[in-house]
C-alpha atoms as a PDB file:
ATOM      1  CA  MET A   1       0.825 -10.150  -2.149  1.00  0.00           C
ATOM      2  CA  ASP A   2      -0.556  -6.815  -1.284  1.00  0.00           C
ATOM      3  CA  SER A   3      -0.702  -7.439   2.189  1.00  0.00           C
ATOM      4  CA  PHE A   4       2.824  -8.606   2.021  1.00  0.00           C
ATOM      5  CA  ILE A   5       4.216  -5.423   0.138  1.00  0.00           C
ATOM      6  CA  TYR A   6       2.392  -3.275   2.706  1.00  0.00           C
ATOM      7  CA  SER A   7       3.601  -5.050   5.527  1.00  0.00           C
ATOM      8  CA  ILE A   8       7.274  -4.573   4.101  1.00  0.00           C
ATOM      9  CA  ASN A   9       6.693  -1.020   2.975  1.00  0.00           C
ATOM     10  CA  SER A  10       5.755  -0.430   7.110  1.00  0.00           C
ATOM     11  CA  THR A  11       8.172  -2.355   8.725  1.00  0.00           C
ATOM     12  CA  VAL A  12      11.491  -1.893   6.568  1.00  0.00           C
ATOM     13  CA  PRO A  13      11.432   1.611   6.790  1.00  0.00           C
ATOM     14  CA  ILE A  14      11.342   1.159  10.759  1.00  0.00           C
ATOM     15  CA  PHE A  15      14.059  -1.156  10.644  1.00  0.00           C
ATOM     16  CA  LEU A  16      16.478   0.945   8.186  1.00  0.00           C
ATOM     17  CA  VAL A  17      16.033   4.100  10.914  1.00  0.00           C
ATOM     18  CA  MET A  18      17.314   1.758  13.329  1.00  0.00           C
ATOM     19  CA  ILE A  19      20.149   0.665  11.598  1.00  0.00           C
ATOM     20  CA  LEU A  20      21.061   4.550  10.382  1.00  0.00           C
ATOM     21  CA  GLY A  21      21.108   5.436  14.286  1.00  0.00           C
ATOM     22  CA  TRP A  22      23.475   2.868  14.884  1.00  0.00           C
ATOM     23  CA  LEU A  23      25.773   3.799  11.822  1.00  0.00           C
ATOM     24  CA  ILE A  24      25.711   7.317  12.709  1.00  0.00           C
ATOM     25  CA  LYS A  25      26.670   6.997  16.116  1.00  0.00           C
ATOM     26  CA  GLN A  26      29.960   4.443  14.738  1.00  0.00           C
ATOM     27  CA  TRP A  27      30.691   7.441  12.584  1.00  0.00           C
ATOM     28  CA  GLY A  28      30.946   9.459  15.649  1.00  0.00           C
ATOM     29  CA  ILE A  29      28.283  12.065  14.352  1.00  0.00           C
ATOM     30  CA  ILE A  30      25.989  11.428  17.400  1.00  0.00           C
ATOM     31  CA  ASP A  31      27.614  10.463  20.895  1.00  0.00           C
ATOM     32  CA  ASP A  32      26.309   8.988  24.213  1.00  0.00           C
ATOM     33  CA  ASN A  33      25.430  12.279  25.460  1.00  0.00           C
ATOM     34  CA  PHE A  34      23.139  13.299  22.583  1.00  0.00           C
ATOM     35  CA  VAL A  35      21.257   9.545  22.688  1.00  0.00           C
ATOM     36  CA  ASN A  36      20.500  10.268  26.588  1.00  0.00           C
ATOM     37  CA  LYS A  37      19.267  14.050  25.641  1.00  0.00           C
ATOM     38  CA  ALA A  38      16.930  12.586  22.825  1.00  0.00           C
ATOM     39  CA  ASN A  39      15.878   9.932  24.771  1.00  0.00           C
ATOM     40  CA  LYS A  40      14.728  12.396  27.632  1.00  0.00           C
ATOM     41  CA  TYR A  41      13.184  14.732  24.493  1.00  0.00           C
ATOM     42  CA  VAL A  42      11.034  11.622  23.030  1.00  0.00           C
ATOM     43  CA  PHE A  43       9.844  10.341  26.525  1.00  0.00           C
ATOM     44  CA  SER A  44       8.998  13.618  28.080  1.00  0.00           C
ATOM     45  CA  VAL A  45       8.190  15.666  24.798  1.00  0.00           C
ATOM     46  CA  ALA A  46       7.638  14.008  21.471  1.00  0.00           C
ATOM     47  CA  LEU A  47       5.706  10.682  22.570  1.00  0.00           C
ATOM     48  CA  PRO A  48       3.402  12.158  24.661  1.00  0.00           C
ATOM     49  CA  VAL A  49       2.560  14.923  21.681  1.00  0.00           C
ATOM     50  CA  MET A  50       1.924  12.463  19.320  1.00  0.00           C
ATOM     51  CA  VAL A  51      -0.372   9.778  21.214  1.00  0.00           C
ATOM     52  CA  PHE A  52      -2.231  13.203  22.456  1.00  0.00           C
ATOM     53  CA  GLU A  53      -2.782  14.167  18.552  1.00  0.00           C
ATOM     54  CA  ASP A  54      -3.916  10.407  17.258  1.00  0.00           C
ATOM     55  CA  ILE A  55      -6.329  10.013  20.167  1.00  0.00           C
ATOM     56  CA  ALA A  56      -7.535  13.658  20.029  1.00  0.00           C
ATOM     57  CA  GLY A  57      -8.174  13.630  16.138  1.00  0.00           C
ATOM     58  CA  GLY A  58     -10.390  10.112  16.718  1.00  0.00           C
ATOM     59  CA  ASP A  59     -14.182  10.564  16.487  1.00  0.00           C
ATOM     60  CA  ILE A  60     -14.426   8.333  19.502  1.00  0.00           C
ATOM     61  CA  ARG A  61     -18.029   9.168  20.299  1.00  0.00           C
ATOM     62  CA  SER A  62     -19.658   8.171  17.233  1.00  0.00           C
ATOM     63  CA  ARG A  63     -17.658   4.467  16.763  1.00  0.00           C
ATOM     64  CA  PHE A  64     -18.142   3.674  20.547  1.00  0.00           C
ATOM     65  CA  ASP A  65     -18.478   0.026  20.961  1.00  0.00           C
ATOM     66  CA  ILE A  66     -18.947  -0.929  24.519  1.00  0.00           C
ATOM     67  CA  ARG A  67     -18.112  -4.629  23.624  1.00  0.00           C
ATOM     68  CA  PHE A  68     -15.107  -4.056  21.384  1.00  0.00           C
ATOM     69  CA  VAL A  69     -13.629  -1.549  24.439  1.00  0.00           C
ATOM     70  CA  LEU A  70     -14.169  -4.452  27.005  1.00  0.00           C
ATOM     71  CA  TYR A  71     -12.796  -6.807  24.968  1.00  0.00           C
ATOM     72  CA  CYS A  72      -9.444  -4.752  24.092  1.00  0.00           C
ATOM     73  CA  MET A  73      -9.205  -3.696  27.859  1.00  0.00           C
ATOM     74  CA  ILE A  74      -9.815  -7.165  29.104  1.00  0.00           C
ATOM     75  CA  VAL A  75      -7.317  -9.070  26.692  1.00  0.00           C
ATOM     76  CA  THR A  76      -4.740  -6.431  27.712  1.00  0.00           C
ATOM     77  CA  ILE A  77      -5.256  -6.933  31.239  1.00  0.00           C
ATOM     78  CA  VAL A  78      -5.253 -10.615  30.919  1.00  0.00           C
ATOM     79  CA  CYS A  79      -1.682 -10.678  28.794  1.00  0.00           C
ATOM     80  CA  PHE A  80      -0.166  -8.117  31.007  1.00  0.00           C
ATOM     81  CA  VAL A  81      -1.141 -10.259  34.142  1.00  0.00           C
ATOM     82  CA  GLY A  82      -0.527 -13.879  32.721  1.00  0.00           C
ATOM     83  CA  ILE A  83       2.798 -12.871  31.060  1.00  0.00           C
ATOM     84  CA  TRP A  84       4.150 -11.602  34.325  1.00  0.00           C
ATOM     85  CA  MET A  85       3.283 -14.182  36.352  1.00  0.00           C
ATOM     86  CA  LEU A  86       4.987 -16.715  34.222  1.00  0.00           C
ATOM     87  CA  THR A  87       7.795 -14.360  34.059  1.00  0.00           C
ATOM     88  CA  GLU A  88       8.202 -14.281  37.729  1.00  0.00           C
ATOM     89  CA  LEU A  89       7.895 -18.169  37.746  1.00  0.00           C
ATOM     90  CA  PHE A  90      10.498 -19.112  34.781  1.00  0.00           C
ATOM     91  CA  MET A  91      13.210 -16.050  34.238  1.00  0.00           C
ATOM     92  CA  LYS A  92      15.611 -16.029  37.169  1.00  0.00           C
ATOM     93  CA  ASP A  93      17.240 -12.577  36.567  1.00  0.00           C
ATOM     94  CA  ASP A  94      15.213 -10.199  37.968  1.00  0.00           C
ATOM     95  CA  THR A  95      17.315  -7.109  36.130  1.00  0.00           C
ATOM     96  CA  MET A  96      15.456  -8.377  32.704  1.00  0.00           C
ATOM     97  CA  LYS A  97      12.179  -8.974  33.863  1.00  0.00           C
ATOM     98  CA  GLY A  98      10.447  -5.313  33.188  1.00  0.00           C
ATOM     99  CA  SER A  99      12.061  -4.880  30.070  1.00  0.00           C
ATOM    100  CA  PHE A 100      10.757  -8.665  28.997  1.00  0.00           C
ATOM    101  CA  VAL A 101       7.300  -8.268  30.144  1.00  0.00           C
ATOM    102  CA  GLN A 102       6.696  -4.841  28.578  1.00  0.00           C
ATOM    103  CA  GLY A 103       8.231  -6.022  25.473  1.00  0.00           C
ATOM    104  CA  SER A 104       5.891  -9.065  25.215  1.00  0.00           C
ATOM    105  CA  PHE A 105       2.740  -7.548  25.724  1.00  0.00           C
ATOM    106  CA  ARG A 106       2.860  -3.983  24.413  1.00  0.00           C
ATOM    107  CA  SER A 107       2.170  -3.459  20.913  1.00  0.00           C
ATOM    108  CA  SER A 108       3.074  -0.591  18.824  1.00  0.00           C
ATOM    109  CA  ALA A 109      -0.729  -0.080  18.480  1.00  0.00           C
ATOM    110  CA  ALA A 110      -0.700   3.920  18.333  1.00  0.00           C
ATOM    111  CA  ILE A 111       1.668   3.778  15.639  1.00  0.00           C
ATOM    112  CA  LEU A 112       1.158   1.191  13.235  1.00  0.00           C
ATOM    113  CA  GLY A 113      -2.662   0.717  14.264  1.00  0.00           C
ATOM    114  CA  ILE A 114      -4.235   3.517  12.199  1.00  0.00           C
ATOM    115  CA  ALA A 115      -1.840   3.214   9.396  1.00  0.00           C
ATOM    116  CA  PHE A 116      -2.820  -0.623   8.655  1.00  0.00           C
ATOM    117  CA  ILE A 117      -6.353  -0.007   8.673  1.00  0.00           C
ATOM    118  CA  GLN A 118      -6.388   3.154   6.424  1.00  0.00           C
ATOM    119  CA  ASN A 119      -3.926   1.197   3.959  1.00  0.00           C
ATOM    120  CA  MET A 120      -6.675  -1.782   3.974  1.00  0.00           C
ATOM    121  CA  TYR A 121     -10.186   0.337   4.470  1.00  0.00           C
ATOM    122  CA  ASP A 122      -9.693   3.671   3.509  1.00  0.00           C
ATOM    123  CA  SER A 123     -10.619   5.103   6.744  1.00  0.00           C
ATOM    124  CA  SER A 124      -8.766   4.599  10.289  1.00  0.00           C
ATOM    125  CA  GLY A 125     -12.081   2.326  11.335  1.00  0.00           C
ATOM    126  CA  MET A 126     -11.641   1.192  14.868  1.00  0.00           C
ATOM    127  CA  ALA A 127      -8.266   2.224  15.231  1.00  0.00           C
ATOM    128  CA  PRO A 128      -8.742   5.251  17.551  1.00  0.00           C
ATOM    129  CA  LEU A 129     -11.200   3.111  19.905  1.00  0.00           C
ATOM    130  CA  MET A 130      -8.623   0.427  20.193  1.00  0.00           C
ATOM    131  CA  ILE A 131      -6.071   2.834  20.977  1.00  0.00           C
ATOM    132  CA  VAL A 132      -8.045   4.397  23.774  1.00  0.00           C
ATOM    133  CA  SER A 133      -8.963   1.097  24.923  1.00  0.00           C
ATOM    134  CA  ALA A 134      -5.590  -0.609  24.897  1.00  0.00           C
ATOM    135  CA  VAL A 135      -2.575   1.922  25.023  1.00  0.00           C
ATOM    136  CA  PRO A 136      -3.965   3.972  28.332  1.00  0.00           C
ATOM    137  CA  LEU A 137      -3.299   0.376  29.865  1.00  0.00           C
ATOM    138  CA  TYR A 138      -0.499  -0.233  27.985  1.00  0.00           C
ATOM    139  CA  ASN A 139       1.117   2.622  29.396  1.00  0.00           C
ATOM    140  CA  ILE A 140      -0.091   2.404  33.170  1.00  0.00           C
ATOM    141  CA  PHE A 141       0.985  -1.487  32.887  1.00  0.00           C
ATOM    142  CA  ALA A 142       4.685  -0.685  31.763  1.00  0.00           C
ATOM    143  CA  VAL A 143       4.913   1.834  34.562  1.00  0.00           C
ATOM    144  CA  ILE A 144       4.021  -0.685  37.187  1.00  0.00           C
ATOM    145  CA  VAL A 145       6.179  -3.223  35.869  1.00  0.00           C
ATOM    146  CA  LEU A 146       9.537  -1.041  34.924  1.00  0.00           C
ATOM    147  CA  THR A 147       8.651   0.451  38.777  1.00  0.00           C
ATOM    148  CA  PHE A 148       8.559  -2.438  40.438  1.00  0.00           C
ATOM    149  CA  LYS A 149      11.701  -4.325  38.067  1.00  0.00           C
ATOM    150  CA  ALA A 150      13.805  -0.711  38.573  1.00  0.00           C
ATOM    151  CA  SER A 151      17.397  -1.268  39.238  1.00  0.00           C
ATOM    152  CA  SER A 152      19.387   1.297  40.931  1.00  0.00           C
ATOM    153  CA  GLU A 153      22.763   2.492  40.145  1.00  0.00           C
ATOM    154  CA  ASP A 154      24.543  -0.039  41.995  1.00  0.00           C
ATOM    155  CA  GLY A 155      22.287  -2.753  40.360  1.00  0.00           C
ATOM    156  CA  ALA A 156      20.038  -3.418  43.557  1.00  0.00           C
ATOM    157  CA  GLN A 157      16.581  -3.670  43.500  1.00  0.00           C
ATOM    158  CA  SER A 158      14.071  -2.418  46.290  1.00  0.00           C
ATOM    159  CA  VAL A 159      11.759  -5.116  48.091  1.00  0.00           C
ATOM    160  CA  LYS A 160       9.380  -3.119  50.272  1.00  0.00           C
ATOM    161  CA  PRO A 161       6.042  -3.457  48.592  1.00  0.00           C
ATOM    162  CA  ALA A 162       4.582  -0.254  50.035  1.00  0.00           C
ATOM    163  CA  GLU A 163       7.074   1.624  48.797  1.00  0.00           C
ATOM    164  CA  ASN A 164       6.744   0.264  44.922  1.00  0.00           C
ATOM    165  CA  ILE A 165       3.575   0.985  45.231  1.00  0.00           C
ATOM    166  CA  LYS A 166       3.707   4.078  45.987  1.00  0.00           C
ATOM    167  CA  LYS A 167       6.295   5.074  43.639  1.00  0.00           C
ATOM    168  CA  ALA A 168       4.269   3.353  40.909  1.00  0.00           C
ATOM    169  CA  CYS A 169       1.115   5.794  41.700  1.00  0.00           C
ATOM    170  CA  VAL A 170       3.876   8.584  41.581  1.00  0.00           C
ATOM    171  CA  ASN A 171       5.031   7.022  38.269  1.00  0.00           C
ATOM    172  CA  ILE A 172       1.725   6.800  36.434  1.00  0.00           C
ATOM    173  CA  LEU A 173       0.140  10.092  37.548  1.00  0.00           C
ATOM    174  CA  LYS A 174       3.448  11.955  36.141  1.00  0.00           C
ATOM    175  CA  ASN A 175       4.143   9.709  33.330  1.00  0.00           C
ATOM    176  CA  PRO A 176       4.322  12.119  30.190  1.00  0.00           C
ATOM    177  CA  ILE A 177       2.586   9.764  28.018  1.00  0.00           C
ATOM    178  CA  ILE A 178      -0.258   8.687  30.029  1.00  0.00           C
ATOM    179  CA  ILE A 179      -0.828  12.448  30.785  1.00  0.00           C
ATOM    180  CA  GLY A 180      -0.904  12.978  26.821  1.00  0.00           C
ATOM    181  CA  ILE A 181      -3.230  10.044  26.452  1.00  0.00           C
ATOM    182  CA  PHE A 182      -5.689  11.030  28.767  1.00  0.00           C
ATOM    183  CA  LEU A 183      -5.759  14.843  27.142  1.00  0.00           C
ATOM    184  CA  GLY A 184      -6.234  13.302  24.030  1.00  0.00           C
ATOM    185  CA  MET A 185      -9.148  11.628  25.379  1.00  0.00           C
ATOM    186  CA  PHE A 186     -10.651  14.494  27.040  1.00  0.00           C
ATOM    187  CA  CYS A 187     -10.321  16.417  23.550  1.00  0.00           C
ATOM    188  CA  SER A 188     -11.836  14.141  21.611  1.00  0.00           C
ATOM    189  CA  LEU A 189     -14.946  13.547  23.854  1.00  0.00           C
ATOM    190  CA  ILE A 190     -15.415  16.939  24.013  1.00  0.00           C
ATOM    191  CA  ARG A 191     -14.690  17.715  20.200  1.00  0.00           C
ATOM    192  CA  VAL A 192     -12.081  20.660  20.750  1.00  0.00           C
ATOM    193  CA  ASP A 193     -11.464  22.138  17.533  1.00  0.00           C
ATOM    194  CA  PHE A 194      -8.036  23.972  17.917  1.00  0.00           C
ATOM    195  CA  PRO A 195      -7.018  26.666  15.608  1.00  0.00           C
ATOM    196  CA  ILE A 196      -4.734  25.791  12.545  1.00  0.00           C
ATOM    197  CA  ILE A 197      -1.662  27.095  14.425  1.00  0.00           C
ATOM    198  CA  ILE A 198      -1.908  24.874  17.635  1.00  0.00           C
ATOM    199  CA  ASP A 199      -2.708  22.081  15.020  1.00  0.00           C
ATOM    200  CA  ARG A 200       0.234  22.245  13.062  1.00  0.00           C
ATOM    201  CA  THR A 201       2.633  22.977  16.075  1.00  0.00           C
ATOM    202  CA  VAL A 202       1.284  19.772  17.453  1.00  0.00           C
ATOM    203  CA  GLU A 203       1.378  17.847  13.975  1.00  0.00           C
ATOM    204  CA  TYR A 204       5.316  18.857  13.812  1.00  0.00           C
ATOM    205  CA  ILE A 205       6.014  17.993  17.348  1.00  0.00           C
ATOM    206  CA  GLY A 206       4.377  14.408  17.211  1.00  0.00           C
ATOM    207  CA  ARG A 207       6.101  13.672  13.979  1.00  0.00           C
ATOM    208  CA  THR A 208       9.513  13.749  15.585  1.00  0.00           C
ATOM    209  CA  ALA A 209       8.695  10.995  17.962  1.00  0.00           C
ATOM    210  CA  THR A 210       8.986   8.167  15.893  1.00  0.00           C
ATOM    211  CA  PRO A 211      12.515   8.898  13.719  1.00  0.00           C
ATOM    212  CA  ILE A 212      14.148  10.246  16.898  1.00  0.00           C
ATOM    213  CA  ALA A 213      12.897   7.269  19.167  1.00  0.00           C
ATOM    214  CA  LEU A 214      14.148   4.908  16.163  1.00  0.00           C
ATOM    215  CA  ILE A 215      17.564   6.663  15.902  1.00  0.00           C
ATOM    216  CA  VAL A 216      18.199   6.350  19.540  1.00  0.00           C
ATOM    217  CA  ILE A 217      17.155   2.872  19.780  1.00  0.00           C
ATOM    218  CA  GLY A 218      19.637   2.201  16.663  1.00  0.00           C
ATOM    219  CA  ALA A 219      22.399   4.329  18.662  1.00  0.00           C
ATOM    220  CA  GLY A 220      22.176   2.565  21.609  1.00  0.00           C
ATOM    221  CA  PHE A 221      21.721  -0.895  20.572  1.00  0.00           C
ATOM    222  CA  GLU A 222      24.655  -2.902  21.939  1.00  0.00           C
ATOM    223  CA  GLY A 223      25.166  -6.402  19.505  1.00  0.00           C
ATOM    224  CA  ARG A 224      27.576  -7.976  21.774  1.00  0.00           C
ATOM    225  CA  LYS A 225      25.215  -7.669  24.966  1.00  0.00           C
ATOM    226  CA  ALA A 226      22.214  -8.302  22.669  1.00  0.00           C
ATOM    227  CA  ILE A 227      23.454 -12.062  21.334  1.00  0.00           C
ATOM    228  CA  LYS A 228      23.888 -12.566  25.194  1.00  0.00           C
ATOM    229  CA  LYS A 229      20.048 -11.652  25.869  1.00  0.00           C
ATOM    230  CA  ILE A 230      19.128 -13.581  22.622  1.00  0.00           C
ATOM    231  CA  LYS A 231      16.810 -16.349  24.162  1.00  0.00           C
ATOM    232  CA  PRO A 232      14.541 -13.924  26.306  1.00  0.00           C
ATOM    233  CA  THR A 233      14.652 -11.664  22.983  1.00  0.00           C
ATOM    234  CA  VAL A 234      13.116 -14.741  21.032  1.00  0.00           C
ATOM    235  CA  VAL A 235      10.859 -15.779  23.605  1.00  0.00           C
ATOM    236  CA  ALA A 236       9.374 -12.040  23.941  1.00  0.00           C
ATOM    237  CA  THR A 237       9.251 -11.514  20.295  1.00  0.00           C
ATOM    238  CA  PHE A 238       7.486 -14.683  20.066  1.00  0.00           C
ATOM    239  CA  ILE A 239       4.734 -13.986  22.586  1.00  0.00           C
ATOM    240  CA  LYS A 240       4.634 -10.547  21.081  1.00  0.00           C
ATOM    241  CA  LEU A 241       3.803 -11.521  17.354  1.00  0.00           C
ATOM    242  CA  ILE A 242       2.444 -15.252  17.623  1.00  0.00           C
ATOM    243  CA  GLY A 243       1.252 -16.081  20.879  1.00  0.00           C
ATOM    244  CA  GLN A 244      -1.017 -13.438  21.957  1.00  0.00           C
ATOM    245  CA  ALA A 245      -2.555 -13.362  18.738  1.00  0.00           C
ATOM    246  CA  ALA A 246      -3.258 -17.343  18.723  1.00  0.00           C
ATOM    247  CA  VAL A 247      -5.052 -16.948  21.948  1.00  0.00           C
ATOM    248  CA  PHE A 248      -7.254 -14.327  21.588  1.00  0.00           C
ATOM    249  CA  LEU A 249      -7.894 -13.867  17.900  1.00  0.00           C
ATOM    250  CA  PRO A 250     -10.442 -16.815  18.080  1.00  0.00           C
ATOM    251  CA  VAL A 251     -12.145 -15.603  21.140  1.00  0.00           C
ATOM    252  CA  ALA A 252     -12.480 -12.137  18.863  1.00  0.00           C
ATOM    253  CA  ILE A 253     -13.994 -14.354  15.690  1.00  0.00           C
ATOM    254  CA  TRP A 254     -16.595 -15.980  18.109  1.00  0.00           C
ATOM    255  CA  MET A 255     -17.717 -12.748  19.867  1.00  0.00           C
ATOM    256  CA  GLY A 256     -18.535 -11.849  15.985  1.00  0.00           C
ATOM    257  CA  PHE A 257     -15.853  -9.287  15.312  1.00  0.00           C
ATOM    258  CA  ARG A 258     -14.948  -8.946  11.635  1.00  0.00           C
ATOM    259  CA  ASN A 259     -13.297  -6.442   9.376  1.00  0.00           C
ATOM    260  CA  GLN A 260     -12.288  -3.643  10.543  1.00  0.00           C
ATOM    261  CA  GLU A 261     -12.759  -4.267  14.399  1.00  0.00           C
ATOM    262  CA  LEU A 262     -11.010  -7.606  13.574  1.00  0.00           C
ATOM    263  CA  MET A 263      -7.982  -5.564  12.053  1.00  0.00           C
ATOM    264  CA  ALA A 264      -7.481  -3.493  15.210  1.00  0.00           C
ATOM    265  CA  ILE A 265      -7.587  -6.269  17.289  1.00  0.00           C
ATOM    266  CA  LEU A 266      -5.202  -8.052  15.214  1.00  0.00           C
ATOM    267  CA  ILE A 267      -2.641  -5.252  15.647  1.00  0.00           C
ATOM    268  CA  MET A 268      -3.095  -4.534  19.178  1.00  0.00           C
ATOM    269  CA  LEU A 269      -2.512  -8.237  19.469  1.00  0.00           C
ATOM    270  CA  ALA A 270       0.431  -9.108  17.141  1.00  0.00           C
ATOM    271  CA  SER A 271       1.946  -5.940  16.177  1.00  0.00           C
ATOM    272  CA  PRO A 272       6.131  -5.613  16.817  1.00  0.00           C
ATOM    273  CA  ALA A 273       6.897  -4.204  20.340  1.00  0.00           C
ATOM    274  CA  THR A 274       6.690  -0.494  20.403  1.00  0.00           C
ATOM    275  CA  VAL A 275       9.699   1.860  20.146  1.00  0.00           C
ATOM    276  CA  SER A 276       8.512   3.793  23.371  1.00  0.00           C
ATOM    277  CA  GLY A 277       9.432   0.851  25.092  1.00  0.00           C
ATOM    278  CA  TYR A 278      12.989   1.186  24.925  1.00  0.00           C
ATOM    279  CA  ILE A 279      12.728   4.865  26.325  1.00  0.00           C
ATOM    280  CA  MET A 280      10.621   3.933  28.891  1.00  0.00           C
ATOM    281  CA  ALA A 281      12.723   1.501  30.293  1.00  0.00           C
ATOM    282  CA  LYS A 282      15.805   3.058  29.817  1.00  0.00           C
ATOM    283  CA  ASN A 283      14.444   6.098  31.591  1.00  0.00           C
ATOM    284  CA  MET A 284      13.037   4.089  34.014  1.00  0.00           C
ATOM    285  CA  ASN A 285      16.758   2.092  34.851  1.00  0.00           C
ATOM    286  CA  ASN A 286      15.559  -1.162  33.469  1.00  0.00           C
ATOM    287  CA  ASP A 287      17.345  -3.405  30.778  1.00  0.00           C
ATOM    288  CA  GLY A 288      17.889  -1.047  27.704  1.00  0.00           C
ATOM    289  CA  VAL A 289      19.816  -3.646  25.772  1.00  0.00           C
ATOM    290  CA  LEU A 290      16.846  -6.259  26.341  1.00  0.00           C
ATOM    291  CA  ALA A 291      14.080  -3.698  25.205  1.00  0.00           C
ATOM    292  CA  SER A 292      16.179  -2.588  22.153  1.00  0.00           C
ATOM    293  CA  SER A 293      16.978  -6.026  21.247  1.00  0.00           C
ATOM    294  CA  ILE A 294      12.831  -7.205  21.291  1.00  0.00           C
ATOM    295  CA  ILE A 295      11.845  -4.127  19.711  1.00  0.00           C
ATOM    296  CA  VAL A 296      14.664  -4.753  16.506  1.00  0.00           C
ATOM    297  CA  LEU A 297      13.679  -8.426  16.324  1.00  0.00           C
ATOM    298  CA  SER A 298      10.236  -7.958  16.644  1.00  0.00           C
ATOM    299  CA  THR A 299      10.096  -5.268  13.926  1.00  0.00           C
ATOM    300  CA  LEU A 300      11.976  -7.152  11.651  1.00  0.00           C
ATOM    301  CA  LEU A 301       9.779 -10.374  11.955  1.00  0.00           C
ATOM    302  CA  SER A 302       6.487  -8.797  11.913  1.00  0.00           C
ATOM    303  CA  ALA A 303       6.349  -8.179   8.100  1.00  0.00           C
ATOM    304  CA  LEU A 304       6.212 -12.140   7.704  1.00  0.00           C
ATOM    305  CA  THR A 305       4.149 -12.584  10.835  1.00  0.00           C
ATOM    306  CA  LEU A 306       1.307  -9.648  10.279  1.00  0.00           C
ATOM    307  CA  THR A 307       1.349 -10.665   6.578  1.00  0.00           C
ATOM    308  CA  GLY A 308       0.881 -14.295   7.540  1.00  0.00           C
ATOM    309  CA  TRP A 309      -1.851 -13.482   9.983  1.00  0.00           C
ATOM    310  CA  ILE A 310      -3.821 -11.351   7.457  1.00  0.00           C
ATOM    311  CA  PHE A 311      -3.591 -13.748   4.611  1.00  0.00           C
ATOM    312  CA  LEU A 312      -5.150 -16.476   7.030  1.00  0.00           C
ATOM    313  CA  LEU A 313      -7.682 -14.338   8.254  1.00  0.00           C
ATOM    314  CA  ARG A 314      -8.740 -13.076   4.338  1.00  0.00           C
ATOM    315  CA  MET A 315      -8.411 -16.794   3.640  1.00  0.00           C
ATOM    316  CA  TRP A 316     -11.153 -17.740   6.137  1.00  0.00           C
ATOM    317  CA  GLY A 317     -13.386 -14.500   5.318  1.00  0.00           C
ATOM    318  CA  TYR A 318     -12.868 -12.714   8.654  1.00  0.00           C
ATOM    319  CA  LEU A 319     -11.367  -9.751   6.744  1.00  0.00           C
END
């Protein structure tokens, strides 16, 4: 019951802020121009600062575990490659593939990971190490698939592999979120101690990322268009909340991961699609409607599915 209550308390407010974004757009308090500008602010400033703060503030060196790091990295790679290959085989609409792949494999690890583990164990545990292991790959792979599947304004897509590879590499190097991640890793490894003025400034900017992103998702949500894409939304949500965990949690248990390690792995595999997925899809000319639909549905259902996973792992004595 405690896990269910905590899951509800963690996920329902996220959903309610999305609803607020939709409502204030309907009431005319904000308009499309605000949504577009807020999208760019979150993508270019707030999210990079937030992930920088999360990673730079974690003590990566003292908790470093090569087995755990390799597990997180290899599983992330396998999930991304496997989902993209299956998407290419079974999805006909090329314009939806980028958002579908990203929504299916990319978790809200940085936003929910530390909070969940601190609630259960009174410390961040292995969450910072999981974030360092998986989140950079999430963003790199997201840039790759969104670059290859991006549509131009007339709906056409580039079919030149060399051009797409070059563009993907450039997008990775200049992606603000990826820059924030690697700067955070650098500062954590060399243990940079910023003055209080800098710490507070970074903290305040980082705090704006999630609420503004959620308001933007809600404001940009188009119900009628989303209903037409309910099938890929449901499939992606199933993969995100159940499919990946069902395949890779048994592997983690077999490898001997328990308690905080296993909880961090569960968050990596089965937390809802990250809010930054919509921001990146929208800014990289991919299907924003599908991206927002996956985030909304996976967030709504994650209170039940995460609680179910935690209940099972506790019942079997692994947490």
